[in-house]
Amino acid sequence: MSKPIVAFQGEHGAYSEEAIRCHFGSDADTLPCESFAATFKALQQGEATTAILPVENSLAGTVAQVYELLIEHDYRVQAEYILLVRHCLLAPVGTALENIRQVKSHPQALAQCADTLRRRGWNPVAAYDTAGAARELAEHPEPHTAVIASELAGQLYGLDVLARDMEDDITNFTRFFVIGPEDAERRDPSKTSLVFTVRHRPRALYDCLGAFARRDINLTKIESRPIRGRPWQYWFYLDFEGHWQDANTEAALMELLHLASMVKMLGSYPAAVNGNYSP
């Protein structure tokens, strides 16, 4: 079996690449892409065999664009991985922590470290990407400047780690989907993800969810998102415990197909073993 090539959004050293190394191993072949859409294009053109995409952050919520792309394309969720995001303060070799005046990073990373930056008196400066900011600083050092990025980015670009765990909240997790053209091999415990829409009538959503409640199927996520081009109509994203081949799940899905106006299966896949957090 040939070694997989895993596409991801961002530059080398991005948190998505860190998730790849954790899930597939440190020697995994990776393909950086400039956008989420470009990762799907890499799969379509055969440049990558699989892709890893962030779908949800425990602080910032759902990555809506990724779900929209999953609806538009016929790829299957093959696995999930949950990464604890640990922000590091990186600077060129020889830089002293007390000399830092400004810190560059992606706006979301800066927001997740806002209290720390404010307490230190450091000026936040937005950049387009965490790993990209690290590469830029390594190639073009600036006085009194550091970046917030992954420790992996620091290793790749030769930057010193001046501080670890810069985030204000230690429960900063990002959930990733591994996607590809084939269904995942079954390995329990399993989870299933799907998208559906409902008819415009009273108790339509209630009836659809009842298909799972009546069979004691535990839902782990439900979220509504607007359907582009159809004002005030919504997709419902649903995750639940179990595999589509389970008898009770199969019965629930058959009932859902009857009740909903549209159902799209995203896949059944092994549940992340690192998915539970206990403070």
Protein backbone atom coordinates (compact mmCIF):
# COMPACT_ATOMS: atom_id res chain seq x y z
CA MET A 1 0.00 0.00 0.00
CA SER A 2 1.44 3.39 -1.05
CA LYS A 3 2.16 6.04 1.55
CA PRO A 4 -0.68 8.61 1.83
CA ILE A 5 -0.16 12.23 0.85
CA VAL A 6 -2.22 14.43 3.19
CA ALA A 7 -3.39 17.86 2.04
CA PHE A 8 -4.03 20.65 4.56
CA GLN A 9 -4.80 24.36 4.53
CA GLY A 10 -1.94 26.62 5.53
CA GLU A 11 1.84 26.63 5.41
CA HIS A 12 4.27 24.07 6.81
CA GLY A 13 4.12 24.31 10.58
CA ALA A 14 0.39 25.03 10.72
CA TYR A 15 -1.69 23.42 13.45
CA SER A 16 -3.34 21.30 10.74
CA GLU A 17 0.09 19.84 9.92
CA GLU A 18 0.65 19.17 13.61
CA ALA A 19 -2.64 17.24 13.63
CA ILE A 20 -1.45 15.24 10.61
CA ARG A 21 1.77 14.27 12.40
CA CYS A 22 -0.16 13.26 15.51
CA HIS A 23 -2.71 11.19 13.56
CA PHE A 24 -0.61 9.70 10.75
CA GLY A 25 2.88 9.79 12.29
CA SER A 26 5.79 12.22 12.15
CA ASP A 27 6.99 10.92 8.77
CA ALA A 28 3.68 11.57 6.96
CA ASP A 29 3.91 13.24 3.54
CA THR A 30 2.02 16.54 3.61
CA LEU A 31 0.80 18.96 0.95
CA PRO A 32 0.17 22.57 2.07
CA CYS A 33 -2.69 24.35 0.29
CA GLU A 34 -3.57 28.04 0.29
CA SER A 35 -7.27 27.53 1.03
CA PHE A 36 -9.81 24.91 2.12
CA ALA A 37 -11.13 24.77 -1.45
CA ALA A 38 -7.60 24.05 -2.67
CA THR A 39 -7.40 20.95 -0.46
CA PHE A 40 -10.47 19.52 -2.21
CA LYS A 41 -8.94 20.41 -5.58
CA ALA A 42 -5.75 18.56 -4.59
CA LEU A 43 -7.86 15.45 -3.91
CA GLN A 44 -9.72 15.81 -7.21
CA GLN A 45 -6.51 16.16 -9.21
CA GLY A 46 -4.78 13.27 -7.47
CA GLU A 47 -2.10 15.43 -5.88
CA ALA A 48 -3.18 14.14 -2.46
CA THR A 49 -4.75 10.87 -1.34
CA THR A 50 -6.48 12.33 1.70
CA ALA A 51 -6.95 15.67 3.47
CA ILE A 52 -7.31 16.91 7.02
CA LEU A 53 -9.61 19.83 7.73
CA PRO A 54 -10.57 21.71 10.92
CA VAL A 55 -14.33 21.53 11.45
CA GLU A 56 -14.80 22.85 14.98
CA ASN A 57 -12.95 24.72 17.71
CA SER A 58 -14.00 24.43 21.35
CA LEU A 59 -13.80 28.23 21.75
CA ALA A 60 -14.55 29.66 18.30
CA GLY A 61 -17.14 27.12 17.12
CA THR A 62 -17.79 25.53 13.72
CA VAL A 63 -15.68 26.17 10.62
CA ALA A 64 -18.67 26.72 8.35
CA GLN A 65 -16.75 26.84 5.05
CA VAL A 66 -15.45 23.30 5.53
CA TYR A 67 -18.96 21.93 6.03
CA GLU A 68 -20.15 23.78 2.91
CA LEU A 69 -17.34 22.16 0.91
CA LEU A 70 -18.23 18.73 2.32
CA ILE A 71 -21.80 19.24 1.10
CA GLU A 72 -20.59 20.30 -2.37
CA HIS A 73 -18.16 17.40 -2.83
CA ASP A 74 -18.54 13.64 -2.57
CA TYR A 75 -15.79 12.77 -0.10
CA ARG A 76 -16.21 10.69 3.03
CA VAL A 77 -15.17 11.42 6.58
CA GLN A 78 -12.68 8.65 7.39
CA ALA A 79 -11.57 9.70 10.88
CA GLU A 80 -11.63 12.52 13.39
CA TYR A 81 -8.74 13.88 15.41
CA ILE A 82 -8.93 16.36 18.30
CA LEU A 83 -5.85 18.53 18.84
CA LEU A 84 -5.08 20.49 21.98
CA VAL A 85 -3.89 23.83 20.58
CA ARG A 86 -0.87 25.10 22.51
CA HIS A 87 0.30 28.51 21.35
CA CYS A 88 4.02 29.32 21.58
CA LEU A 89 5.76 32.67 21.49
CA LEU A 90 8.51 32.39 18.87
CA ALA A 91 11.34 34.77 17.95
CA PRO A 92 14.71 34.68 16.14
CA VAL A 93 17.59 33.05 17.99
CA GLY A 94 19.08 35.37 20.58
CA THR A 95 15.96 37.45 21.15
CA ALA A 96 15.28 38.19 24.82
CA LEU A 97 11.73 37.97 26.16
CA GLU A 98 12.03 41.36 27.88
CA ASN A 99 12.81 43.04 24.52
CA ILE A 100 9.53 42.02 22.86
CA ARG A 101 7.20 44.92 21.97
CA GLN A 102 4.87 43.47 19.33
CA VAL A 103 3.49 40.01 18.51
CA LYS A 104 2.23 38.88 15.09
CA SER A 105 -0.17 36.03 14.36
CA HIS A 106 -3.50 35.08 12.83
CA PRO A 107 -6.33 37.16 14.36
CA GLN A 108 -7.92 34.09 15.98
CA ALA A 109 -4.65 33.13 17.66
CA LEU A 110 -4.20 36.71 18.88
CA ALA A 111 -7.76 36.67 20.26
CA GLN A 112 -7.09 33.40 22.09
CA CYS A 113 -4.04 34.99 23.75
CA ALA A 114 -5.50 38.49 24.26
CA ASP A 115 -5.30 38.53 28.08
CA THR A 116 -1.68 37.34 28.06
CA LEU A 117 -0.69 39.97 25.47
CA ARG A 118 -2.48 42.71 27.41
CA ARG A 119 -0.87 41.70 30.69
CA ARG A 120 2.58 41.75 29.11
CA GLY A 121 1.97 45.05 27.33
CA TRP A 122 2.67 43.58 23.89
CA ASN A 123 1.02 45.08 20.82
CA PRO A 124 -0.89 42.49 18.72
CA VAL A 125 -0.37 42.67 14.93
CA ALA A 126 -2.61 40.60 12.65
CA ALA A 127 -1.06 38.26 10.06
CA TYR A 128 -2.77 35.97 7.55
CA ASP A 129 -1.51 32.72 9.08
CA THR A 130 0.24 31.49 12.24
CA ALA A 131 2.88 29.41 10.43
CA GLY A 132 3.19 32.05 7.71
CA ALA A 133 3.96 34.67 10.34
CA ALA A 134 6.70 32.40 11.74
CA ARG A 135 8.24 31.88 8.29
CA GLU A 136 8.15 35.63 7.54
CA LEU A 137 9.87 36.50 10.82
CA ALA A 138 12.55 33.86 10.23
CA GLU A 139 13.22 35.18 6.72
CA HIS A 140 12.94 38.88 7.63
CA PRO A 141 13.71 39.41 11.33
CA GLU A 142 12.27 42.55 12.94
CA PRO A 143 13.51 44.09 16.17
CA HIS A 144 11.31 43.69 19.26
CA THR A 145 9.01 41.30 17.35
CA ALA A 146 7.78 37.77 18.08
CA VAL A 147 5.02 35.58 16.65
CA ILE A 148 2.44 33.22 18.09
CA ALA A 149 2.46 29.85 16.34
CA SER A 150 2.96 26.15 16.97
CA GLU A 151 6.16 24.71 18.38
CA LEU A 152 6.40 22.75 15.12
CA ALA A 153 6.60 26.05 13.21
CA GLY A 154 9.46 27.14 15.47
CA GLN A 155 11.35 23.91 14.76
CA LEU A 156 10.81 24.17 11.00
CA TYR A 157 11.87 27.82 10.70
CA GLY A 158 14.64 27.88 13.30
CA LEU A 159 12.96 30.17 15.82
CA ASP A 160 13.43 30.06 19.57
CA VAL A 161 10.50 29.30 21.88
CA LEU A 162 10.38 32.23 24.33
CA ALA A 163 7.18 31.05 26.05
CA ARG A 164 4.75 28.15 25.84
CA ASP A 165 1.02 27.92 26.61
CA MET A 166 0.27 31.52 25.64
CA GLU A 167 -3.47 30.84 25.33
CA ASP A 168 -5.84 32.33 27.89
CA ASP A 169 -7.96 29.15 28.09
CA ILE A 170 -6.35 25.73 28.39
CA THR A 171 -9.46 24.05 26.92
CA ASN A 172 -8.56 25.21 23.40
CA PHE A 173 -9.23 22.15 21.24
CA THR A 174 -9.69 21.89 17.48
CA ARG A 175 -11.53 18.96 15.94
CA PHE A 176 -10.35 17.78 12.52
CA PHE A 177 -11.93 15.53 9.90
CA VAL A 178 -9.76 13.25 7.79
CA ILE A 179 -11.50 12.95 4.42
CA GLY A 180 -10.99 10.83 1.31
CA PRO A 181 -12.84 9.11 -1.53
CA GLU A 182 -13.57 5.83 0.29
CA ASP A 183 -15.52 4.85 3.40
CA ALA A 184 -13.44 4.26 6.52
CA GLU A 185 -12.84 0.72 7.71
CA ARG A 186 -15.04 0.07 10.69
CA ARG A 187 -13.38 0.37 14.08
CA ASP A 188 -15.53 0.87 17.17
CA PRO A 189 -16.41 3.03 18.98
CA SER A 190 -17.77 4.74 15.87
CA LYS A 191 -19.37 8.07 15.14
CA THR A 192 -21.48 9.15 12.20
CA SER A 193 -21.84 12.61 10.64
CA LEU A 194 -24.58 13.75 8.27
CA VAL A 195 -26.35 16.83 6.98
CA PHE A 196 -30.10 17.17 6.47
CA THR A 197 -32.84 19.69 5.72
CA VAL A 198 -36.44 19.60 6.91
CA ARG A 199 -39.82 20.33 5.35
CA HIS A 200 -41.50 23.61 6.19
CA ARG A 201 -44.14 22.39 8.63
CA PRO A 202 -44.73 22.29 12.40
CA ARG A 203 -42.58 19.81 14.40
CA ALA A 204 -40.52 18.86 11.34
CA LEU A 205 -37.19 19.05 13.22
CA TYR A 206 -38.73 17.44 16.31
CA ASP A 207 -39.86 14.44 14.27
CA CYS A 208 -36.47 14.05 12.57
CA LEU A 209 -34.61 14.05 15.89
CA GLY A 210 -37.20 11.68 17.32
CA ALA A 211 -35.99 9.02 14.89
CA PHE A 212 -32.79 8.89 16.97
CA ALA A 213 -34.33 9.49 20.41
CA ARG A 214 -36.75 6.57 20.05
CA ARG A 215 -33.77 4.26 19.44
CA ASP A 216 -31.59 5.60 22.27
CA ILE A 217 -28.97 6.96 19.87
CA ASN A 218 -26.84 9.62 21.52
CA LEU A 219 -26.40 12.83 19.54
CA THR A 220 -23.02 14.53 20.07
CA LYS A 221 -23.55 17.61 17.89
CA ILE A 222 -26.41 19.44 16.21
CA GLU A 223 -26.09 22.83 14.56
CA SER A 224 -28.05 24.81 12.00
CA ARG A 225 -26.44 26.89 9.25
CA PRO A 226 -28.06 29.04 6.53
CA ILE A 227 -28.37 27.51 3.06
CA ARG A 228 -26.63 29.85 0.64
CA GLY A 229 -29.03 31.30 -1.92
CA ARG A 230 -32.12 30.20 0.04
CA PRO A 231 -32.86 32.85 2.70
CA TRP A 232 -34.27 31.58 6.01
CA GLN A 233 -33.70 27.94 5.11
CA TYR A 234 -31.14 25.88 6.98
CA TRP A 235 -28.86 22.87 6.91
CA PHE A 236 -28.71 20.82 10.09
CA TYR A 237 -25.35 19.22 10.90
CA LEU A 238 -25.69 16.12 13.04
CA ASP A 239 -23.14 13.85 14.73
CA PHE A 240 -24.10 10.80 16.74
CA GLU A 241 -22.57 7.76 18.38
CA GLY A 242 -22.72 4.58 16.32
CA HIS A 243 -22.15 3.28 12.80
CA TRP A 244 -24.60 3.36 9.89
CA GLN A 245 -24.39 -0.46 9.74
CA ASP A 246 -25.79 -0.84 13.28
CA ALA A 247 -29.38 -2.09 13.21
CA ASN A 248 -30.80 0.75 15.32
CA THR A 249 -28.84 3.36 13.35
CA GLU A 250 -29.96 1.92 10.02
CA ALA A 251 -33.59 2.09 11.18
CA ALA A 252 -33.17 5.68 12.36
CA LEU A 253 -31.63 6.69 9.04
CA MET A 254 -34.44 5.07 7.08
CA GLU A 255 -36.98 7.03 9.13
CA LEU A 256 -34.97 10.23 8.68
CA LEU A 257 -34.95 9.71 4.91
CA HIS A 258 -38.73 9.52 5.03
CA LEU A 259 -39.14 12.62 7.22
CA ALA A 260 -36.45 14.99 5.94
CA SER A 261 -36.45 16.82 2.62
CA MET A 262 -32.77 15.96 2.03
CA VAL A 263 -30.14 13.82 3.77
CA LYS A 264 -26.44 13.59 2.94
CA MET A 265 -24.21 11.12 4.75
CA LEU A 266 -20.74 12.44 5.45
CA GLY A 267 -19.54 9.13 6.83
CA SER A 268 -19.20 6.70 9.71
CA TYR A 269 -15.71 6.62 11.18
CA PRO A 270 -13.71 5.68 14.29
CA ALA A 271 -14.39 8.11 17.13
CA ALA A 272 -11.35 10.05 18.34
CA VAL A 273 -9.72 8.35 21.30
CA ASN A 274 -8.50 11.77 22.48
CA GLY A 275 -11.97 13.27 22.31
CA ASN A 276 -12.80 13.55 26.02
CA TYR A 277 -11.51 16.35 28.23
CA SER A 278 -11.58 16.19 31.99
CA PRO A 279 -10.43 19.35 33.82
